[in-house]
């Protein structure tokens, strides 16, 4: 019978990967707040609250979908070799990349 291989989970997601998604969602929220404030001052308060709630409720699933798919695209399964199982993990340390800040 064949032995099962062991795998190591490596996530390469950085803040720069999701920064654009968060910025776009914040812009949508601020536009929704501005438009609801404009409707609030024109004595249509129920429409303002309805529109704000509708925009937030409809945009949140898209943000979550974009974030989850980005996260899943950055998950790697790397097979481990026999040496790393016995205690010498130089190969594992060499393949890991430290997190870097993006500007």
N, C-alpha and C. Protein backbone atom coordinates (compact mmCIF):
# COMPACT_ATOMS: atom_id res chain seq x y z
N UNK A 1 0.84 -1.18 0.00
CA UNK A 1 0.00 0.00 0.00
C UNK A 1 0.89 1.25 0.00
N UNK A 2 0.46 2.23 -0.71
CA UNK A 2 1.24 3.46 -0.87
C UNK A 2 1.05 4.39 0.33
N UNK A 3 2.16 4.97 0.80
CA UNK A 3 2.07 5.90 1.92
C UNK A 3 1.48 7.23 1.45
N UNK A 4 0.72 7.85 2.33
CA UNK A 4 0.16 9.17 2.02
C UNK A 4 1.23 10.24 2.18
N UNK A 5 1.23 11.20 1.29
CA UNK A 5 2.17 12.31 1.38
C UNK A 5 1.66 13.32 2.40
N UNK A 6 2.59 13.98 3.05
CA UNK A 6 2.21 15.06 3.96
C UNK A 6 2.37 16.38 3.24
N UNK A 7 1.45 17.29 3.51
CA UNK A 7 1.47 18.59 2.87
C UNK A 7 1.54 19.69 3.92
N UNK A 8 2.13 20.79 3.52
CA UNK A 8 2.21 21.97 4.39
C UNK A 8 1.36 23.07 3.77
N UNK A 9 0.53 23.71 4.58
CA UNK A 9 -0.34 24.80 4.14
C UNK A 9 0.43 26.11 4.22
N UNK A 10 0.47 26.85 3.11
CA UNK A 10 1.19 28.11 3.07
C UNK A 10 0.25 29.18 2.50
N UNK A 11 0.00 30.23 3.25
CA UNK A 11 -0.85 31.33 2.80
C UNK A 11 0.04 32.51 2.44
N UNK A 12 -0.06 32.98 1.20
CA UNK A 12 0.78 34.08 0.72
C UNK A 12 0.00 35.38 0.60
N UNK A 13 -1.14 35.47 1.24
CA UNK A 13 -1.98 36.67 1.16
C UNK A 13 -1.33 37.81 1.92
N UNK A 14 -1.26 38.97 1.30
CA UNK A 14 -0.74 40.16 1.95
C UNK A 14 -1.84 41.22 1.96
N UNK A 15 -1.61 42.26 2.73
CA UNK A 15 -2.60 43.33 2.82
C UNK A 15 -2.78 44.02 1.47
N UNK A 16 -1.74 44.09 0.68
CA UNK A 16 -1.83 44.73 -0.63
C UNK A 16 -2.75 43.99 -1.59
N UNK A 17 -2.98 42.71 -1.35
CA UNK A 17 -3.87 41.94 -2.21
C UNK A 17 -5.33 42.32 -2.02
N UNK A 18 -5.69 42.72 -0.82
CA UNK A 18 -7.10 43.04 -0.56
C UNK A 18 -7.33 44.53 -0.35
N UNK A 19 -6.28 45.33 -0.43
CA UNK A 19 -6.39 46.76 -0.17
C UNK A 19 -7.35 47.43 -1.15
N UNK A 20 -7.26 47.11 -2.41
CA UNK A 20 -8.14 47.70 -3.42
C UNK A 20 -9.60 47.35 -3.19
N UNK A 21 -9.86 46.11 -2.80
CA UNK A 21 -11.24 45.69 -2.55
C UNK A 21 -11.85 46.47 -1.38
N UNK A 22 -11.05 46.67 -0.34
CA UNK A 22 -11.54 47.40 0.82
C UNK A 22 -11.78 48.86 0.46
N UNK A 23 -10.88 49.45 -0.31
CA UNK A 23 -11.04 50.86 -0.70
C UNK A 23 -12.28 51.06 -1.56
N UNK A 24 -12.55 50.16 -2.49
CA UNK A 24 -13.75 50.28 -3.33
C UNK A 24 -15.01 50.16 -2.48
N UNK A 25 -15.00 49.23 -1.53
CA UNK A 25 -16.18 49.07 -0.69
C UNK A 25 -16.39 50.30 0.19
N UNK A 26 -15.31 50.89 0.70
CA UNK A 26 -15.46 52.12 1.50
C UNK A 26 -16.00 53.27 0.66
N UNK A 27 -15.58 53.36 -0.60
CA UNK A 27 -16.11 54.40 -1.48
C UNK A 27 -17.60 54.19 -1.70
N UNK A 28 -18.02 52.95 -1.91
CA UNK A 28 -19.45 52.66 -2.08
C UNK A 28 -20.23 53.05 -0.83
N UNK A 29 -19.69 52.75 0.34
CA UNK A 29 -20.38 53.08 1.59
C UNK A 29 -20.49 54.60 1.76
N UNK A 30 -19.41 55.33 1.47
CA UNK A 30 -19.47 56.79 1.62
C UNK A 30 -20.42 57.43 0.62
N UNK A 31 -20.48 56.90 -0.60
CA UNK A 31 -21.45 57.42 -1.57
C UNK A 31 -22.87 57.12 -1.10
N UNK A 32 -23.10 55.95 -0.53
CA UNK A 32 -24.41 55.61 0.00
C UNK A 32 -24.78 56.53 1.17
N UNK A 33 -23.81 56.82 2.04
CA UNK A 33 -24.09 57.74 3.16
C UNK A 33 -24.41 59.15 2.66
N UNK A 34 -23.66 59.60 1.67
CA UNK A 34 -23.91 60.95 1.13
C UNK A 34 -25.28 61.04 0.47
N UNK A 35 -25.65 60.04 -0.28
CA UNK A 35 -26.96 60.08 -0.93
C UNK A 35 -28.10 59.93 0.08
N UNK A 36 -27.89 59.14 1.12
CA UNK A 36 -28.95 59.02 2.13
C UNK A 36 -29.08 60.30 2.94
N UNK A 37 -27.97 61.00 3.18
CA UNK A 37 -28.07 62.30 3.85
C UNK A 37 -28.78 63.33 2.98
N UNK A 38 -28.56 63.26 1.68
CA UNK A 38 -29.27 64.17 0.77
C UNK A 38 -30.76 63.89 0.78
N UNK A 39 -31.14 62.63 0.80
CA UNK A 39 -32.57 62.30 0.87
C UNK A 39 -33.14 62.62 2.24
N UNK A 40 -32.35 62.50 3.28
CA UNK A 40 -32.83 62.79 4.63
C UNK A 40 -33.19 64.26 4.78
N UNK A 41 -32.40 65.13 4.17
CA UNK A 41 -32.68 66.56 4.29
C UNK A 41 -33.86 66.99 3.43
N UNK A 42 -34.26 66.17 2.47
CA UNK A 42 -35.41 66.53 1.64
C UNK A 42 -36.70 65.91 2.15
N UNK A 43 -36.75 65.65 3.42
CA UNK A 43 -37.92 65.13 4.14
C UNK A 43 -38.41 63.78 3.60
N UNK A 44 -37.51 62.96 3.11
CA UNK A 44 -37.85 61.60 2.70
C UNK A 44 -37.00 60.63 3.51
N UNK A 45 -37.18 60.67 4.82
CA UNK A 45 -36.33 59.90 5.72
C UNK A 45 -36.45 58.39 5.52
N UNK A 46 -37.65 57.90 5.26
CA UNK A 46 -37.82 56.44 5.12
C UNK A 46 -37.10 55.94 3.88
N UNK A 47 -37.10 56.73 2.81
CA UNK A 47 -36.36 56.33 1.60
C UNK A 47 -34.86 56.37 1.84
N UNK A 48 -34.42 57.33 2.64
CA UNK A 48 -32.99 57.43 2.94
C UNK A 48 -32.50 56.21 3.70
N UNK A 49 -33.23 55.82 4.74
CA UNK A 49 -32.83 54.64 5.51
C UNK A 49 -32.93 53.36 4.68
N UNK A 50 -33.96 53.28 3.86
CA UNK A 50 -34.13 52.10 3.01
C UNK A 50 -33.00 51.98 2.01
N UNK A 51 -32.64 53.09 1.38
CA UNK A 51 -31.59 53.07 0.39
C UNK A 51 -30.24 52.73 1.03
N UNK A 52 -29.96 53.32 2.18
CA UNK A 52 -28.70 53.02 2.86
C UNK A 52 -28.62 51.54 3.25
N UNK A 53 -29.67 51.01 3.83
CA UNK A 53 -29.69 49.60 4.19
C UNK A 53 -29.58 48.68 2.99
N UNK A 54 -30.24 49.04 1.90
CA UNK A 54 -30.20 48.22 0.69
C UNK A 54 -28.81 48.19 0.08
N UNK A 55 -28.15 49.33 0.04
CA UNK A 55 -26.80 49.37 -0.53
C UNK A 55 -25.82 48.58 0.33
N UNK A 56 -25.91 48.72 1.64
CA UNK A 56 -25.01 47.98 2.52
C UNK A 56 -25.27 46.48 2.43
N UNK A 57 -26.53 46.08 2.45
CA UNK A 57 -26.88 44.66 2.41
C UNK A 57 -26.50 44.04 1.07
N UNK A 58 -26.66 44.78 -0.03
CA UNK A 58 -26.32 44.22 -1.34
C UNK A 58 -24.83 44.26 -1.65
N UNK A 59 -24.09 45.19 -1.07
CA UNK A 59 -22.66 45.28 -1.39
C UNK A 59 -21.81 44.39 -0.50
N UNK A 60 -22.24 44.08 0.70
CA UNK A 60 -21.45 43.26 1.61
C UNK A 60 -21.18 41.85 1.08
N UNK A 61 -22.18 41.15 0.49
CA UNK A 61 -21.86 39.82 -0.06
C UNK A 61 -20.83 39.86 -1.18
N UNK A 62 -20.84 40.91 -1.99
CA UNK A 62 -19.84 41.01 -3.05
C UNK A 62 -18.44 41.22 -2.47
N UNK A 63 -18.35 42.01 -1.41
CA UNK A 63 -17.07 42.21 -0.74
C UNK A 63 -16.57 40.89 -0.14
N UNK A 64 -17.44 40.17 0.52
CA UNK A 64 -17.05 38.90 1.13
C UNK A 64 -16.66 37.88 0.06
N UNK A 65 -17.39 37.84 -1.05
CA UNK A 65 -17.05 36.91 -2.13
C UNK A 65 -15.69 37.24 -2.71
N UNK A 66 -15.42 38.53 -2.94
CA UNK A 66 -14.13 38.94 -3.50
C UNK A 66 -13.00 38.60 -2.53
N UNK A 67 -13.21 38.84 -1.24
CA UNK A 67 -12.17 38.54 -0.25
C UNK A 67 -11.90 37.05 -0.15
N UNK A 68 -12.96 36.25 -0.10
CA UNK A 68 -12.78 34.80 0.05
C UNK A 68 -12.11 34.20 -1.18
N UNK A 69 -12.49 34.64 -2.38
CA UNK A 69 -11.84 34.10 -3.57
C UNK A 69 -10.39 34.53 -3.65
N UNK A 70 -10.08 35.76 -3.22
CA UNK A 70 -8.68 36.20 -3.18
C UNK A 70 -7.90 35.36 -2.18
N UNK A 71 -8.49 35.11 -1.02
CA UNK A 71 -7.82 34.28 -0.01
C UNK A 71 -7.58 32.87 -0.53
N UNK A 72 -8.56 32.28 -1.18
CA UNK A 72 -8.40 30.91 -1.68
C UNK A 72 -7.36 30.84 -2.80
N UNK A 73 -7.21 31.91 -3.56
CA UNK A 73 -6.20 31.93 -4.62
C UNK A 73 -4.78 32.01 -4.05
N UNK A 74 -4.63 32.42 -2.81
CA UNK A 74 -3.32 32.58 -2.22
C UNK A 74 -2.96 31.48 -1.23
N UNK A 75 -3.72 30.41 -1.21
CA UNK A 75 -3.42 29.27 -0.34
C UNK A 75 -2.70 28.22 -1.18
N UNK A 76 -1.56 27.76 -0.69
CA UNK A 76 -0.77 26.76 -1.39
C UNK A 76 -0.60 25.54 -0.50
N UNK A 77 -0.67 24.38 -1.10
CA UNK A 77 -0.36 23.13 -0.41
C UNK A 77 0.97 22.64 -0.98
N UNK A 78 2.00 22.63 -0.14
CA UNK A 78 3.33 22.25 -0.57
C UNK A 78 3.65 20.88 0.02
N UNK A 79 3.97 19.90 -0.83
CA UNK A 79 4.30 18.58 -0.27
C UNK A 79 5.62 18.64 0.50
N UNK A 80 5.64 18.01 1.65
CA UNK A 80 6.87 17.97 2.45
C UNK A 80 7.67 16.74 2.04
N UNK A 81 8.98 16.83 2.18
CA UNK A 81 9.82 15.70 1.82
C UNK A 81 10.18 14.91 3.08
N UNK A 82 10.90 13.83 2.89
CA UNK A 82 11.25 12.94 4.00
C UNK A 82 12.17 13.64 5.00
N UNK A 83 13.09 14.49 4.53
CA UNK A 83 14.04 15.16 5.43
C UNK A 83 13.33 16.08 6.40
N UNK A 84 12.28 16.78 5.91
CA UNK A 84 11.59 17.71 6.81
C UNK A 84 10.77 16.96 7.86
N UNK A 85 10.40 15.72 7.56
CA UNK A 85 9.66 14.94 8.55
C UNK A 85 10.57 14.44 9.66
N UNK A 86 11.87 14.26 9.36
CA UNK A 86 12.78 13.72 10.36
C UNK A 86 13.38 14.78 11.26
N UNK A 87 13.11 16.05 10.99
CA UNK A 87 13.59 17.08 11.91
C UNK A 87 14.43 18.15 11.25
N UNK A 88 15.03 17.92 10.08
CA UNK A 88 15.79 18.97 9.42
C UNK A 88 14.83 19.74 8.52
N UNK A 89 14.48 20.92 8.94
CA UNK A 89 13.49 21.69 8.19
C UNK A 89 14.13 22.90 7.50
N UNK A 90 15.32 22.73 6.98
CA UNK A 90 15.98 23.81 6.24
C UNK A 90 15.25 24.09 4.94
N UNK A 91 14.68 23.05 4.31
CA UNK A 91 13.97 23.24 3.06
C UNK A 91 12.70 24.06 3.28
N UNK A 92 12.05 23.83 4.41
CA UNK A 92 10.83 24.58 4.71
C UNK A 92 11.15 26.04 4.95
N UNK A 93 12.20 26.31 5.73
CA UNK A 93 12.56 27.69 6.03
C UNK A 93 13.01 28.43 4.79
N UNK A 94 13.66 27.74 3.86
CA UNK A 94 14.14 28.39 2.65
C UNK A 94 13.00 28.75 1.72
N UNK A 95 11.89 27.98 1.75
CA UNK A 95 10.78 28.27 0.83
C UNK A 95 9.82 29.31 1.40
N UNK A 96 9.87 29.59 2.69
CA UNK A 96 8.97 30.57 3.27
C UNK A 96 9.47 31.97 2.94
N UNK A 97 8.51 32.84 2.62
CA UNK A 97 8.85 34.22 2.34
C UNK A 97 8.28 35.08 3.45
N UNK A 98 9.06 35.99 4.01
CA UNK A 98 8.53 36.84 5.07
C UNK A 98 7.52 37.85 4.51
N UNK A 99 6.62 38.27 5.35
CA UNK A 99 5.64 39.26 4.93
C UNK A 99 6.32 40.59 4.71
N UNK A 100 5.94 41.25 3.62
CA UNK A 100 6.54 42.54 3.29
C UNK A 100 5.44 43.58 3.21
N UNK A 101 5.73 44.74 3.73
CA UNK A 101 4.76 45.84 3.65
C UNK A 101 4.81 46.45 2.26
N UNK A 102 3.63 46.79 1.74
CA UNK A 102 3.56 47.43 0.43
C UNK A 102 3.19 48.90 0.62
N UNK A 103 3.71 49.71 -0.24
CA UNK A 103 3.39 51.14 -0.11
C UNK A 103 2.54 51.61 -1.25
